[in-house]
Amino acid sequence: MRPLEGITVVSLEQAVAAPFAARQLADLGARVIKIERPESGDFARHYDQTVNGMSSHFTWLNRSKESVEMDLKGEDSKELLLNMLEKADVFLYNLAPGAVDRLGFSPDTLKEKFPRLITCSITGYGENGSYRNKKAYDLLIQCEAGAVSVTGTEETPSKAGISIADIAAGMYAYSGIMAAVIARSVSGKGTHLDISMLEALGEWMGYPLYYAGYGGSEPKRTGASHATIYPYGPFTTGEGKQVFLGIQNDREWKAFCSRVIGKPELAEEELFSTNALRVKNQEELALVIASVFEKMTAEELTEKLDEMKIANAKLNTMKDFMEHPQLKERNRWTTIDSPAGDIQTLLPPITAPGFKITMGDIPELGEHNEKIRKEFGTRKK
């Protein structure tokens, strides 16, 4: 069973947020028709050429879709889109605010024509408010939502290494669309979803938001360490390798002191007896920990941490991650086809008995032009 089999999504999409949402729906069996600009297509097709000549972003976001080129300024294309929406379940788009309205496809207009249609808009700041027309790239939203203020080192604020604002918006569009499909099965009516990148990432900022809003001070930027927990983060071993670990409670702290670093008396020392005190006095504590770790290898340290069930991890590169033994043991890799040949890709992170996941090809620009125009070229009057 494909959970979303029978659901048709028409996606007027580009870059990351809407393509990410649409691909999740395609993975679960929805038919996704991707509308692209004639000749150039989705501009994410041209970000780089690292995947056998294809863009890494486009490869990630666009499997299992049908691609049709449409110039929506032309009346023929507008008529074709209207034909498509008459038979669709979802209309997803992430154009500039108001762009779809100016084309004649506003949510209110479509609601009158197709009451069962679910429409979903993804914008930077939402469909109203003084920021409505402000340009919104992922970095800029990370800044506006405060994510950059809590990321990086004390000296250098940094953005996350991936497009977290785009991904957050795409995930809320994805879950919102599925909720709307379920609601429609009861009410018989579609709805409109207004997804804002700022609000989506803002939801992810809950901990620092409450910490600063009610605690009176901003969380410190601590690199790969933690602003409010210690020991937590990277520690260097004797051969210069780093091991990341996290102590979550006093039971783990006592086990760490007695069985990992061999200093049971440290657990009772007043300066370090609670997490709050360990954070306050972490410079002194770091020196004690370092004096032990410098006599150990990374392998010895991780073995002791595992034995005491204390969370730890290696700092993997992306190539290391591609070779991760856990992914191999769980058979998480598969192959899909593309205009550049076979591509290795991870299965979606949903594993459920009886669910069949769609892992279709990455389309060439306009690959389904003829098929789409033949299927939707005539509309019942």
Protein backbone atom coordinates (compact mmCIF):
# COMPACT_ATOMS: atom_id res chain seq x y z
CA MET A 1 0.00 0.00 0.00
CA ARG A 2 1.17 3.50 -0.88
CA PRO A 3 -0.45 5.72 1.78
CA LEU A 4 -1.11 8.68 -0.56
CA GLU A 5 -1.91 6.72 -3.70
CA GLY A 6 -4.71 8.45 -5.60
CA ILE A 7 -3.73 11.94 -4.38
CA THR A 8 -2.60 14.33 -7.13
CA VAL A 9 -0.42 17.33 -6.28
CA VAL A 10 0.21 20.16 -8.73
CA SER A 11 3.28 22.03 -7.53
CA LEU A 12 4.35 25.42 -8.85
CA GLU A 13 7.70 25.15 -7.12
CA GLN A 14 11.32 26.22 -7.10
CA ALA A 15 14.44 25.97 -4.93
CA VAL A 16 13.93 24.07 -1.65
CA ALA A 17 10.83 24.60 0.52
CA ALA A 18 7.99 23.54 -1.80
CA PRO A 19 10.05 20.91 -3.67
CA PHE A 20 10.96 19.35 -0.30
CA ALA A 21 7.30 19.20 0.77
CA ALA A 22 6.22 17.82 -2.60
CA ARG A 23 8.92 15.14 -2.59
CA GLN A 24 7.75 13.88 0.82
CA LEU A 25 4.24 13.53 -0.62
CA ALA A 26 5.63 11.75 -3.70
CA ASP A 27 7.58 9.35 -1.48
CA LEU A 28 4.29 8.24 0.08
CA GLY A 29 2.67 7.61 -3.27
CA ALA A 30 1.11 10.92 -4.31
CA ARG A 31 1.35 11.89 -7.94
CA VAL A 32 3.34 15.14 -8.09
CA ILE A 33 3.28 17.26 -11.25
CA LYS A 34 6.07 19.85 -11.09
CA ILE A 35 5.51 23.01 -13.13
CA GLU A 36 8.75 24.59 -14.38
CA ARG A 37 9.74 27.64 -16.41
CA PRO A 38 10.26 26.89 -20.12
CA GLU A 39 13.91 26.32 -21.11
CA SER A 40 15.51 27.15 -17.73
CA GLY A 41 13.24 25.24 -15.35
CA ASP A 42 13.57 25.29 -11.57
CA PHE A 43 16.67 27.40 -10.91
CA ALA A 44 17.87 24.80 -8.39
CA ARG A 45 18.68 22.62 -11.41
CA HIS A 46 21.69 24.91 -11.98
CA TYR A 47 23.13 25.44 -8.49
CA ASP A 48 26.05 23.07 -9.17
CA GLN A 49 26.99 20.02 -11.27
CA THR A 50 28.31 17.70 -8.58
CA VAL A 51 26.01 14.68 -9.07
CA ASN A 52 27.18 13.30 -12.39
CA GLY A 53 26.53 16.74 -13.88
CA MET A 54 23.31 17.42 -11.98
CA SER A 55 22.74 19.83 -9.10
CA SER A 56 22.99 18.27 -5.63
CA HIS A 57 19.96 20.28 -4.45
CA PHE A 58 17.83 19.20 -7.41
CA THR A 59 18.87 15.56 -7.03
CA TRP A 60 17.86 15.62 -3.36
CA LEU A 61 14.46 17.27 -3.85
CA ASN A 62 12.91 16.04 -7.08
CA ARG A 63 12.67 12.28 -7.44
CA SER A 64 9.34 10.66 -8.29
CA LYS A 65 7.93 13.77 -9.98
CA GLU A 66 6.61 14.60 -13.43
CA SER A 67 8.04 17.74 -15.03
CA VAL A 68 6.04 19.99 -17.34
CA GLU A 69 7.21 23.32 -18.79
CA MET A 70 4.60 26.07 -18.64
CA ASP A 71 4.70 29.82 -19.24
CA LEU A 72 1.85 30.91 -17.01
CA LYS A 73 1.71 34.35 -18.60
CA GLY A 74 0.15 32.70 -21.65
CA GLU A 75 -3.57 31.96 -21.82
CA ASP A 76 -3.02 28.43 -23.12
CA SER A 77 -0.89 27.55 -20.11
CA LYS A 78 -3.38 29.14 -17.72
CA GLU A 79 -6.14 27.04 -19.25
CA LEU A 80 -3.98 23.92 -18.95
CA LEU A 81 -3.27 24.66 -15.28
CA LEU A 82 -6.97 25.17 -14.64
CA ASN A 83 -7.64 21.79 -16.23
CA MET A 84 -5.02 20.21 -14.00
CA LEU A 85 -6.40 21.79 -10.84
CA GLU A 86 -9.91 20.58 -11.66
CA LYS A 87 -8.62 17.01 -11.20
CA ALA A 88 -6.03 17.71 -8.51
CA ASP A 89 -6.26 17.33 -4.75
CA VAL A 90 -3.50 19.78 -3.80
CA PHE A 91 -2.09 22.96 -5.33
CA LEU A 92 1.27 23.79 -3.73
CA TYR A 93 3.37 26.85 -4.57
CA ASN A 94 6.24 28.95 -3.24
CA LEU A 95 6.30 31.98 -5.50
CA ALA A 96 6.59 35.57 -4.28
CA PRO A 97 3.56 36.75 -2.27
CA GLY A 98 0.71 37.72 -4.58
CA ALA A 99 2.24 36.17 -7.72
CA VAL A 100 -0.31 33.36 -7.93
CA ASP A 101 -3.15 35.82 -7.27
CA ARG A 102 -2.00 38.02 -10.17
CA LEU A 103 -2.06 34.99 -12.46
CA GLY A 104 -5.73 34.46 -11.57
CA PHE A 105 -5.25 31.48 -9.26
CA SER A 106 -5.81 32.99 -5.82
CA PRO A 107 -7.02 30.62 -3.08
CA ASP A 108 -10.42 32.37 -2.98
CA THR A 109 -10.86 32.06 -6.75
CA LEU A 110 -9.91 28.38 -6.71
CA LYS A 111 -12.13 27.67 -3.69
CA GLU A 112 -15.15 28.84 -5.67
CA LYS A 113 -14.24 26.75 -8.70
CA PHE A 114 -12.97 23.64 -6.90
CA PRO A 115 -14.31 23.40 -3.31
CA ARG A 116 -12.42 20.15 -2.58
CA LEU A 117 -9.03 21.51 -3.65
CA ILE A 118 -6.40 22.04 -0.93
CA THR A 119 -4.16 25.02 -1.64
CA CYS A 120 -0.84 25.61 0.13
CA SER A 121 1.31 28.72 -0.09
CA ILE A 122 4.89 28.84 1.24
CA THR A 123 6.36 32.33 1.64
CA GLY A 124 9.10 33.93 3.71
CA TYR A 125 6.97 35.94 6.11
CA GLY A 126 3.35 34.97 5.43
CA GLU A 127 0.57 36.34 3.28
CA ASN A 128 0.01 39.53 5.28
CA GLY A 129 1.89 41.88 7.61
CA SER A 130 4.49 44.58 6.98
CA TYR A 131 7.18 42.01 6.07
CA ARG A 132 4.97 40.33 3.44
CA ASN A 133 6.95 41.54 0.41
CA LYS A 134 10.43 41.42 1.98
CA LYS A 135 12.82 39.05 0.19
CA ALA A 136 13.35 35.90 2.18
CA TYR A 137 16.31 33.60 1.61
CA ASP A 138 17.16 30.83 4.05
CA LEU A 139 20.09 32.72 5.63
CA LEU A 140 17.96 35.82 6.12
CA ILE A 141 15.17 33.89 7.82
CA GLN A 142 17.73 32.18 10.07
CA CYS A 143 18.81 35.70 11.08
CA GLU A 144 15.29 37.05 11.60
CA ALA A 145 14.21 34.02 13.65
CA GLY A 146 17.24 34.32 15.92
CA ALA A 147 18.83 31.04 14.87
CA VAL A 148 22.10 32.73 13.86
CA SER A 149 22.26 34.50 17.23
CA VAL A 150 22.52 31.17 19.07
CA THR A 151 24.68 29.32 16.53
CA GLY A 152 28.45 29.48 16.19
CA THR A 153 31.14 30.53 18.64
CA GLU A 154 31.11 33.38 21.14
CA GLU A 155 33.04 35.51 18.64
CA THR A 156 31.33 34.42 15.42
CA PRO A 157 27.57 34.02 14.88
CA SER A 158 26.94 31.39 12.17
CA LYS A 159 24.13 30.00 10.11
CA ALA A 160 23.31 26.31 10.15
CA GLY A 161 25.14 24.34 7.46
CA ILE A 162 21.87 23.25 5.82
CA SER A 163 18.75 25.19 4.77
CA ILE A 164 16.86 24.82 8.04
CA ALA A 165 14.33 27.59 7.33
CA ASP A 166 13.42 26.09 3.96
CA ILE A 167 13.30 22.58 5.40
CA ALA A 168 11.15 23.65 8.36
CA ALA A 169 8.66 25.35 6.04
CA GLY A 170 8.62 22.33 3.73
CA MET A 171 7.96 19.94 6.59
CA TYR A 172 5.05 22.02 7.96
CA ALA A 173 3.61 22.25 4.44
CA TYR A 174 3.95 18.47 4.13
CA SER A 175 2.29 17.70 7.48
CA GLY A 176 -0.31 20.44 6.97
CA ILE A 177 -1.30 19.04 3.60
CA MET A 178 -1.70 15.54 5.02
CA ALA A 179 -3.84 16.93 7.87
CA ALA A 180 -5.97 18.80 5.32
CA VAL A 181 -6.45 15.61 3.28
CA ILE A 182 -7.66 13.81 6.42
CA ALA A 183 -9.97 16.73 7.34
CA ARG A 184 -11.40 16.77 3.81
CA SER A 185 -12.32 13.09 4.11
CA VAL A 186 -14.69 14.17 6.92
CA SER A 187 -15.89 17.58 5.74
CA GLY A 188 -15.73 17.06 1.98
CA LYS A 189 -14.11 20.49 1.65
CA GLY A 190 -10.61 21.66 0.91
CA THR A 191 -8.81 24.48 2.72
CA HIS A 192 -5.98 26.96 2.27
CA LEU A 193 -2.67 26.60 4.15
CA ASP A 194 -0.52 29.70 4.68
CA ILE A 195 3.00 28.51 5.60
CA SER A 196 5.62 31.09 6.64
CA MET A 197 9.33 30.25 6.77
CA LEU A 198 9.74 32.68 9.69
CA GLU A 199 6.99 31.00 11.71
CA ALA A 200 8.11 27.49 10.78
CA LEU A 201 11.67 28.12 11.96
CA GLY A 202 10.29 30.08 14.91
CA GLU A 203 8.61 26.90 16.11
CA TRP A 204 12.02 25.22 16.17
CA MET A 205 13.43 28.09 18.25
CA GLY A 206 11.24 27.31 21.26
CA TYR A 207 13.96 26.51 23.79
CA PRO A 208 16.11 29.64 23.27
CA LEU A 209 12.96 31.75 22.92
CA TYR A 210 11.67 30.76 26.36
CA TYR A 211 15.16 30.81 27.87
CA ALA A 212 15.70 34.42 26.82
CA GLY A 213 12.13 35.62 27.14
CA TYR A 214 11.65 34.42 30.69
CA GLY A 215 15.24 34.00 31.91
CA GLY A 216 16.32 37.53 31.14
CA SER A 217 19.50 36.68 29.20
CA GLU A 218 20.26 35.36 25.73
CA PRO A 219 21.68 31.81 25.38
CA LYS A 220 25.40 31.96 24.75
CA ARG A 221 26.88 30.78 21.45
CA THR A 222 28.98 27.80 22.44
CA GLY A 223 30.06 26.20 19.16
CA ALA A 224 29.45 22.47 19.40
CA SER A 225 29.01 22.65 23.18
CA HIS A 226 25.75 23.39 25.01
CA ALA A 227 24.74 26.68 26.59
CA THR A 228 23.00 25.10 29.59
CA ILE A 229 24.45 21.56 30.03
CA TYR A 230 27.99 20.45 30.94
CA PRO A 231 29.91 18.24 30.17
CA TYR A 232 28.34 18.34 26.70
CA GLY A 233 30.10 18.63 23.34
CA PRO A 234 33.56 17.88 21.91
CA PHE A 235 36.51 16.65 23.96
CA THR A 236 39.98 15.87 22.62
CA THR A 237 41.69 12.54 23.31
CA GLY A 238 45.37 11.66 23.48
CA GLU A 239 45.86 11.10 19.76
CA GLY A 240 44.16 14.39 18.90
CA LYS A 241 40.78 12.93 17.91
CA GLN A 242 37.56 14.43 19.17
CA VAL A 243 34.78 12.54 20.94
CA PHE A 244 31.41 14.24 21.50
CA LEU A 245 29.52 13.33 24.65
CA GLY A 246 26.59 14.55 26.70
CA ILE A 247 25.84 14.14 30.42
CA GLN A 248 22.08 14.48 30.88
CA ASN A 249 21.53 13.94 34.61
CA ASP A 250 23.26 13.44 37.99
CA ARG A 251 23.16 9.64 37.71
CA GLU A 252 25.18 9.82 34.50
CA TRP A 253 27.50 12.39 36.07
CA LYS A 254 28.32 10.04 38.94
CA ALA A 255 28.91 7.14 36.55
CA PHE A 256 31.11 9.35 34.38
CA CYS A 257 33.22 10.38 37.38
CA SER A 258 33.65 6.90 38.84
CA ARG A 259 33.80 4.59 35.82
CA VAL A 260 34.94 6.75 32.90
CA ILE A 261 37.51 9.16 34.33
CA GLY A 262 38.22 7.27 37.58
CA LYS A 263 37.55 10.19 39.92
CA PRO A 264 34.48 9.27 42.03
CA GLU A 265 35.25 12.05 44.50
CA LEU A 266 34.61 14.63 41.74
CA ALA A 267 30.90 13.82 41.75
CA GLU A 268 30.60 15.00 45.35
CA GLU A 269 32.69 18.12 45.00
CA GLU A 270 30.54 21.16 45.72
CA LEU A 271 31.66 23.10 42.65
CA PHE A 272 30.34 20.35 40.34
CA SER A 273 27.51 18.74 42.31
CA THR A 274 24.67 19.97 40.06
CA ASN A 275 24.41 20.68 36.34
CA ALA A 276 23.95 24.40 36.98
CA LEU A 277 27.19 24.45 38.98
CA ARG A 278 29.00 22.40 36.35
CA VAL A 279 27.97 24.95 33.70
CA LYS A 280 29.04 27.83 35.95
CA ASN A 281 32.41 26.24 36.75
CA GLN A 282 33.04 24.49 33.45
CA GLU A 283 36.47 26.03 32.87
CA GLU A 284 37.81 24.37 36.01
CA LEU A 285 36.00 21.12 35.24
CA ALA A 286 37.27 21.08 31.65
CA LEU A 287 40.86 21.06 32.90
CA VAL A 288 40.18 18.02 35.10
CA ILE A 289 38.49 16.12 32.27
CA ALA A 290 41.22 17.03 29.79
CA SER A 291 43.93 15.73 32.13
CA VAL A 292 42.30 12.27 31.97
CA PHE A 293 41.25 12.23 28.31
CA GLU A 294 44.77 13.11 27.14
CA LYS A 295 45.89 9.69 28.42
CA MET A 296 43.14 7.84 26.46
CA THR A 297 42.50 7.01 22.82
CA ALA A 298 39.16 7.84 21.22
CA GLU A 299 38.40 4.12 20.99
CA GLU A 300 39.08 3.58 24.69
CA LEU A 301 36.94 6.55 25.65
CA THR A 302 33.94 5.60 23.52
CA GLU A 303 34.07 2.03 24.84
CA LYS A 304 33.88 3.30 28.42
CA LEU A 305 31.10 5.75 27.58
CA ASP A 306 29.12 3.03 25.82
CA GLU A 307 29.62 0.67 28.76
CA MET A 308 28.12 3.28 31.10
CA LYS A 309 25.37 4.16 28.59
CA ILE A 310 26.54 7.75 28.28
CA ALA A 311 25.66 9.34 24.95
CA ASN A 312 28.60 9.84 22.61
CA ALA A 313 29.39 10.20 18.93
CA LYS A 314 32.18 10.55 16.40
CA LEU A 315 32.46 13.67 14.26
CA ASN A 316 31.65 12.17 10.87
CA THR A 317 32.32 13.84 7.55
CA MET A 318 29.61 13.53 4.91
CA LYS A 319 31.63 10.74 3.27
CA ASP A 320 31.80 8.99 6.64
CA PHE A 321 28.02 9.30 6.92
CA MET A 322 27.56 7.74 3.49
CA GLU A 323 29.48 4.72 4.79
CA HIS A 324 27.72 4.65 8.17
CA PRO A 325 27.40 1.03 9.32
CA GLN A 326 23.95 1.58 10.83
CA LEU A 327 22.53 2.72 7.49
CA LYS A 328 24.03 -0.35 5.79
CA GLU A 329 22.74 -2.74 8.47
CA ARG A 330 19.22 -1.30 8.13
CA ASN A 331 19.35 -1.40 4.30
CA ARG A 332 18.59 2.33 4.01
CA TRP A 333 20.25 2.87 0.62
CA THR A 334 18.59 2.31 -2.73
CA THR A 335 19.10 3.35 -6.36
CA ILE A 336 16.99 5.68 -8.47
CA ASP A 337 17.28 6.65 -12.12
CA SER A 338 18.03 10.15 -13.38
CA PRO A 339 19.01 11.96 -16.58
CA ALA A 340 22.61 11.41 -15.41
CA GLY A 341 22.22 7.69 -14.71
CA ASP A 342 21.76 5.73 -11.50
CA ILE A 343 21.96 7.67 -8.23
CA GLN A 344 22.36 6.21 -4.75
CA THR A 345 19.85 7.71 -2.34
CA LEU A 346 18.57 7.19 1.18
CA LEU A 347 15.11 5.79 1.71
CA PRO A 348 12.68 8.19 3.44
CA PRO A 349 12.88 8.03 7.26
CA ILE A 350 9.49 6.35 7.55
CA THR A 351 9.49 2.60 8.13
CA ALA A 352 6.14 0.93 8.60
CA PRO A 353 4.87 -2.58 7.84
CA GLY A 354 2.67 -2.54 4.77
CA PHE A 355 3.78 0.91 3.57
CA LYS A 356 5.23 0.92 0.08
CA ILE A 357 7.52 3.87 -0.60
CA THR A 358 7.77 5.39 -4.08
CA MET A 359 11.35 5.86 -5.26
CA GLY A 360 10.85 7.12 -8.81
CA ASP A 361 13.14 8.79 -11.31
CA ILE A 362 14.42 12.37 -11.27
CA PRO A 363 12.80 14.01 -14.32
CA GLU A 364 14.44 15.90 -17.11
CA LEU A 365 13.11 19.40 -17.66
CA GLY A 366 9.81 19.07 -19.53
CA GLU A 367 10.09 15.30 -19.70
CA HIS A 368 6.31 14.94 -19.31
CA ASN A 369 5.20 17.88 -21.48
CA GLU A 370 3.43 15.77 -24.06
CA LYS A 371 1.87 13.41 -21.53
CA ILE A 372 0.50 16.24 -19.35
CA ARG A 373 -0.86 18.24 -22.27
CA LYS A 374 -2.55 15.19 -23.71
CA GLU A 375 -4.09 14.24 -20.35
CA PHE A 376 -5.26 17.71 -19.30
CA GLY A 377 -5.68 19.45 -22.62
CA THR A 378 -9.45 19.33 -22.66
CA ARG A 379 -11.64 20.48 -19.81
CA LYS A 380 -15.30 19.66 -19.35
CA LYS A 381 -17.45 22.79 -19.71
